[in-house]
Amino acid sequence: MANRMTVAEYRAENTARLVKLEERQISIFKSIQRIEKSLEKMNGRVDENTTNLTKITTVGAVGILIIPIIVSIIMRSI
């Protein structure tokens, strides 16, 4: 004959399982919060790097346009 549980034992076992699941869920939520904080930091760095890259590209483009003009003016004045 199969091992039969009383209703009280069944409830106690299910309550213990629910407690374990709840603890795991809390642990998962804490891990997710840490990951989100890390992502926020990384996104901030990416934004900063994108801004710096745009500045460098702009300065380079302006330099490529202006340097030949300056050289041309200097060559004409000589």
N, C-alpha and C. Protein backbone atom coordinates (compact mmCIF):
# COMPACT_ATOMS: atom_id res chain seq x y z
N MET A 1 0.82 -1.18 0.00
CA MET A 1 0.00 0.00 0.00
C MET A 1 0.88 1.25 0.00
N ALA A 2 0.43 2.23 -0.73
CA ALA A 2 1.20 3.47 -0.86
C ALA A 2 1.23 4.22 0.46
N ASN A 3 2.29 4.97 0.66
CA ASN A 3 2.44 5.78 1.87
C ASN A 3 1.46 6.94 1.79
N ARG A 4 0.48 6.96 2.65
CA ARG A 4 -0.54 8.01 2.63
C ARG A 4 -0.17 9.11 3.62
N MET A 5 -0.40 10.35 3.18
CA MET A 5 -0.11 11.51 4.03
C MET A 5 -1.43 12.03 4.60
N THR A 6 -1.30 12.59 5.76
CA THR A 6 -2.48 13.26 6.31
C THR A 6 -2.59 14.63 5.66
N VAL A 7 -3.74 15.23 5.80
CA VAL A 7 -3.95 16.56 5.23
C VAL A 7 -2.97 17.56 5.84
N ALA A 8 -2.72 17.44 7.12
CA ALA A 8 -1.81 18.36 7.80
C ALA A 8 -0.39 18.21 7.26
N GLU A 9 0.04 16.96 7.02
CA GLU A 9 1.38 16.74 6.48
C GLU A 9 1.48 17.30 5.05
N TYR A 10 0.44 17.09 4.28
CA TYR A 10 0.40 17.59 2.91
C TYR A 10 0.50 19.11 2.88
N ARG A 11 -0.27 19.74 3.77
CA ARG A 11 -0.24 21.21 3.85
C ARG A 11 1.13 21.71 4.29
N ALA A 12 1.71 21.04 5.26
CA ALA A 12 3.02 21.46 5.76
C ALA A 12 4.08 21.31 4.66
N GLU A 13 4.01 20.23 3.91
CA GLU A 13 4.96 20.02 2.82
C GLU A 13 4.80 21.08 1.74
N ASN A 14 3.58 21.37 1.37
CA ASN A 14 3.33 22.40 0.36
C ASN A 14 3.73 23.78 0.85
N THR A 15 3.51 24.06 2.11
CA THR A 15 3.92 25.34 2.68
C THR A 15 5.44 25.47 2.62
N ALA A 16 6.16 24.39 2.95
CA ALA A 16 7.63 24.42 2.89
C ALA A 16 8.10 24.65 1.45
N ARG A 17 7.45 24.01 0.49
CA ARG A 17 7.81 24.23 -0.92
C ARG A 17 7.58 25.68 -1.33
N LEU A 18 6.45 26.24 -0.92
CA LEU A 18 6.15 27.63 -1.26
C LEU A 18 7.16 28.59 -0.66
N VAL A 19 7.58 28.31 0.56
CA VAL A 19 8.59 29.16 1.21
C VAL A 19 9.90 29.11 0.43
N LYS A 20 10.31 27.90 0.02
CA LYS A 20 11.54 27.76 -0.77
C LYS A 20 11.43 28.52 -2.09
N LEU A 21 10.29 28.38 -2.75
CA LEU A 21 10.09 29.08 -4.02
C LEU A 21 10.12 30.60 -3.83
N GLU A 22 9.52 31.06 -2.76
CA GLU A 22 9.51 32.50 -2.49
C GLU A 22 10.92 33.02 -2.24
N GLU A 23 11.72 32.25 -1.50
CA GLU A 23 13.10 32.65 -1.24
C GLU A 23 13.90 32.70 -2.54
N ARG A 24 13.69 31.73 -3.42
CA ARG A 24 14.38 31.73 -4.70
C ARG A 24 13.94 32.92 -5.55
N GLN A 25 12.66 33.23 -5.49
CA GLN A 25 12.14 34.36 -6.26
C GLN A 25 12.76 35.67 -5.77
N ILE A 26 12.90 35.84 -4.48
CA ILE A 26 13.52 37.04 -3.92
C ILE A 26 14.97 37.13 -4.38
N SER A 27 15.66 36.00 -4.35
CA SER A 27 17.05 35.96 -4.80
C SER A 27 17.16 36.35 -6.28
N ILE A 28 16.25 35.85 -7.09
CA ILE A 28 16.26 36.19 -8.52
C ILE A 28 16.00 37.68 -8.71
N PHE A 29 15.06 38.25 -7.98
CA PHE A 29 14.77 39.68 -8.10
C PHE A 29 15.98 40.52 -7.71
N LYS A 30 16.69 40.11 -6.67
CA LYS A 30 17.89 40.85 -6.26
C LYS A 30 18.96 40.79 -7.35
N SER A 31 19.11 39.62 -7.96
CA SER A 31 20.08 39.48 -9.04
C SER A 31 19.70 40.37 -10.22
N ILE A 32 18.44 40.42 -10.54
CA ILE A 32 17.96 41.26 -11.64
C ILE A 32 18.23 42.72 -11.35
N GLN A 33 18.03 43.15 -10.11
CA GLN A 33 18.30 44.54 -9.74
C GLN A 33 19.77 44.88 -9.92
N ARG A 34 20.67 43.96 -9.52
CA ARG A 34 22.11 44.19 -9.70
C ARG A 34 22.45 44.28 -11.19
N ILE A 35 21.85 43.42 -11.99
CA ILE A 35 22.10 43.45 -13.43
C ILE A 35 21.61 44.76 -14.03
N GLU A 36 20.44 45.23 -13.61
CA GLU A 36 19.90 46.49 -14.13
C GLU A 36 20.81 47.66 -13.77
N LYS A 37 21.35 47.68 -12.55
CA LYS A 37 22.27 48.75 -12.15
C LYS A 37 23.52 48.72 -13.02
N SER A 38 24.02 47.51 -13.26
CA SER A 38 25.21 47.38 -14.10
C SER A 38 24.93 47.86 -15.52
N LEU A 39 23.77 47.53 -16.05
CA LEU A 39 23.39 47.97 -17.39
C LEU A 39 23.26 49.49 -17.46
N GLU A 40 22.73 50.10 -16.40
CA GLU A 40 22.62 51.56 -16.38
C GLU A 40 24.01 52.19 -16.47
N LYS A 41 24.98 51.63 -15.73
CA LYS A 41 26.35 52.15 -15.78
C LYS A 41 26.91 52.01 -17.19
N MET A 42 26.72 50.83 -17.78
CA MET A 42 27.26 50.59 -19.13
C MET A 42 26.60 51.50 -20.15
N ASN A 43 25.30 51.70 -20.04
CA ASN A 43 24.61 52.58 -20.98
C ASN A 43 25.12 54.01 -20.85
N GLY A 44 25.43 54.43 -19.63
CA GLY A 44 25.99 55.76 -19.43
C GLY A 44 27.34 55.90 -20.11
N ARG A 45 28.15 54.85 -19.99
CA ARG A 45 29.47 54.88 -20.63
C ARG A 45 29.32 54.88 -22.15
N VAL A 46 28.39 54.11 -22.67
CA VAL A 46 28.18 54.06 -24.11
C VAL A 46 27.73 55.43 -24.61
N ASP A 47 26.82 56.07 -23.89
CA ASP A 47 26.37 57.42 -24.28
C ASP A 47 27.54 58.40 -24.29
N GLU A 48 28.36 58.33 -23.25
CA GLU A 48 29.52 59.22 -23.16
C GLU A 48 30.49 58.97 -24.31
N ASN A 49 30.75 57.71 -24.61
CA ASN A 49 31.65 57.38 -25.71
C ASN A 49 31.08 57.82 -27.05
N THR A 50 29.78 57.69 -27.23
CA THR A 50 29.15 58.13 -28.47
C THR A 50 29.29 59.64 -28.63
N THR A 51 29.10 60.37 -27.55
CA THR A 51 29.25 61.83 -27.59
C THR A 51 30.69 62.21 -27.94
N ASN A 52 31.65 61.54 -27.30
CA ASN A 52 33.07 61.84 -27.58
C ASN A 52 33.43 61.51 -29.03
N LEU A 53 32.91 60.40 -29.53
CA LEU A 53 33.18 60.02 -30.91
C LEU A 53 32.61 61.04 -31.89
N THR A 54 31.42 61.55 -31.59
CA THR A 54 30.81 62.58 -32.43
C THR A 54 31.66 63.84 -32.42
N LYS A 55 32.16 64.24 -31.25
CA LYS A 55 33.02 65.42 -31.16
C LYS A 55 34.29 65.24 -31.99
N ILE A 56 34.92 64.08 -31.85
CA ILE A 56 36.16 63.81 -32.58
C ILE A 56 35.90 63.83 -34.09
N THR A 57 34.82 63.23 -34.51
CA THR A 57 34.48 63.20 -35.93
C THR A 57 34.22 64.60 -36.46
N THR A 58 33.54 65.43 -35.68
CA THR A 58 33.25 66.80 -36.10
C THR A 58 34.53 67.61 -36.23
N VAL A 59 35.40 67.51 -35.23
CA VAL A 59 36.67 68.24 -35.28
C VAL A 59 37.51 67.78 -36.47
N GLY A 60 37.53 66.47 -36.72
CA GLY A 60 38.28 65.94 -37.86
C GLY A 60 37.74 66.44 -39.19
N ALA A 61 36.42 66.46 -39.33
CA ALA A 61 35.82 66.93 -40.58
C ALA A 61 36.11 68.41 -40.80
N VAL A 62 36.00 69.20 -39.75
CA VAL A 62 36.30 70.63 -39.86
C VAL A 62 37.77 70.83 -40.20
N GLY A 63 38.66 70.05 -39.57
CA GLY A 63 40.08 70.15 -39.85
C GLY A 63 40.40 69.80 -41.30
N ILE A 64 39.75 68.79 -41.83
CA ILE A 64 39.98 68.39 -43.22
C ILE A 64 39.53 69.49 -44.18
N LEU A 65 38.50 70.21 -43.82
CA LEU A 65 38.03 71.30 -44.69
C LEU A 65 38.87 72.57 -44.55
N ILE A 66 39.30 72.89 -43.34
CA ILE A 66 39.97 74.16 -43.09
C ILE A 66 41.47 74.11 -43.41
N ILE A 67 42.15 73.02 -43.12
CA ILE A 67 43.60 72.95 -43.33
C ILE A 67 43.98 73.23 -44.79
N PRO A 68 43.32 72.64 -45.79
CA PRO A 68 43.69 72.98 -47.17
C PRO A 68 43.48 74.46 -47.50
N ILE A 69 42.45 75.06 -46.93
CA ILE A 69 42.21 76.48 -47.17
C ILE A 69 43.33 77.31 -46.57
N ILE A 70 43.76 76.99 -45.38
CA ILE A 70 44.85 77.72 -44.71
C ILE A 70 46.14 77.54 -45.50
N VAL A 71 46.43 76.31 -45.90
CA VAL A 71 47.64 76.07 -46.70
C VAL A 71 47.60 76.85 -48.01
N SER A 72 46.45 76.89 -48.63
CA SER A 72 46.29 77.63 -49.88
C SER A 72 46.54 79.10 -49.66
N ILE A 73 46.01 79.68 -48.61
CA ILE A 73 46.21 81.10 -48.32
C ILE A 73 47.70 81.37 -48.05
N ILE A 74 48.33 80.50 -47.30
CA ILE A 74 49.76 80.69 -47.00
C ILE A 74 50.58 80.61 -48.28
N MET A 75 50.26 79.67 -49.15
CA MET A 75 51.01 79.52 -50.39
C MET A 75 50.83 80.73 -51.31
N ARG A 76 49.67 81.34 -51.30
CA ARG A 76 49.44 82.53 -52.13
C ARG A 76 50.18 83.72 -51.58
N SER A 77 50.31 83.81 -50.27
CA SER A 77 50.97 84.97 -49.67
C SER A 77 52.49 84.89 -49.80
N ILE A 78 53.01 83.74 -50.07
CA ILE A 78 54.49 83.60 -50.18
C ILE A 78 54.95 84.00 -51.54
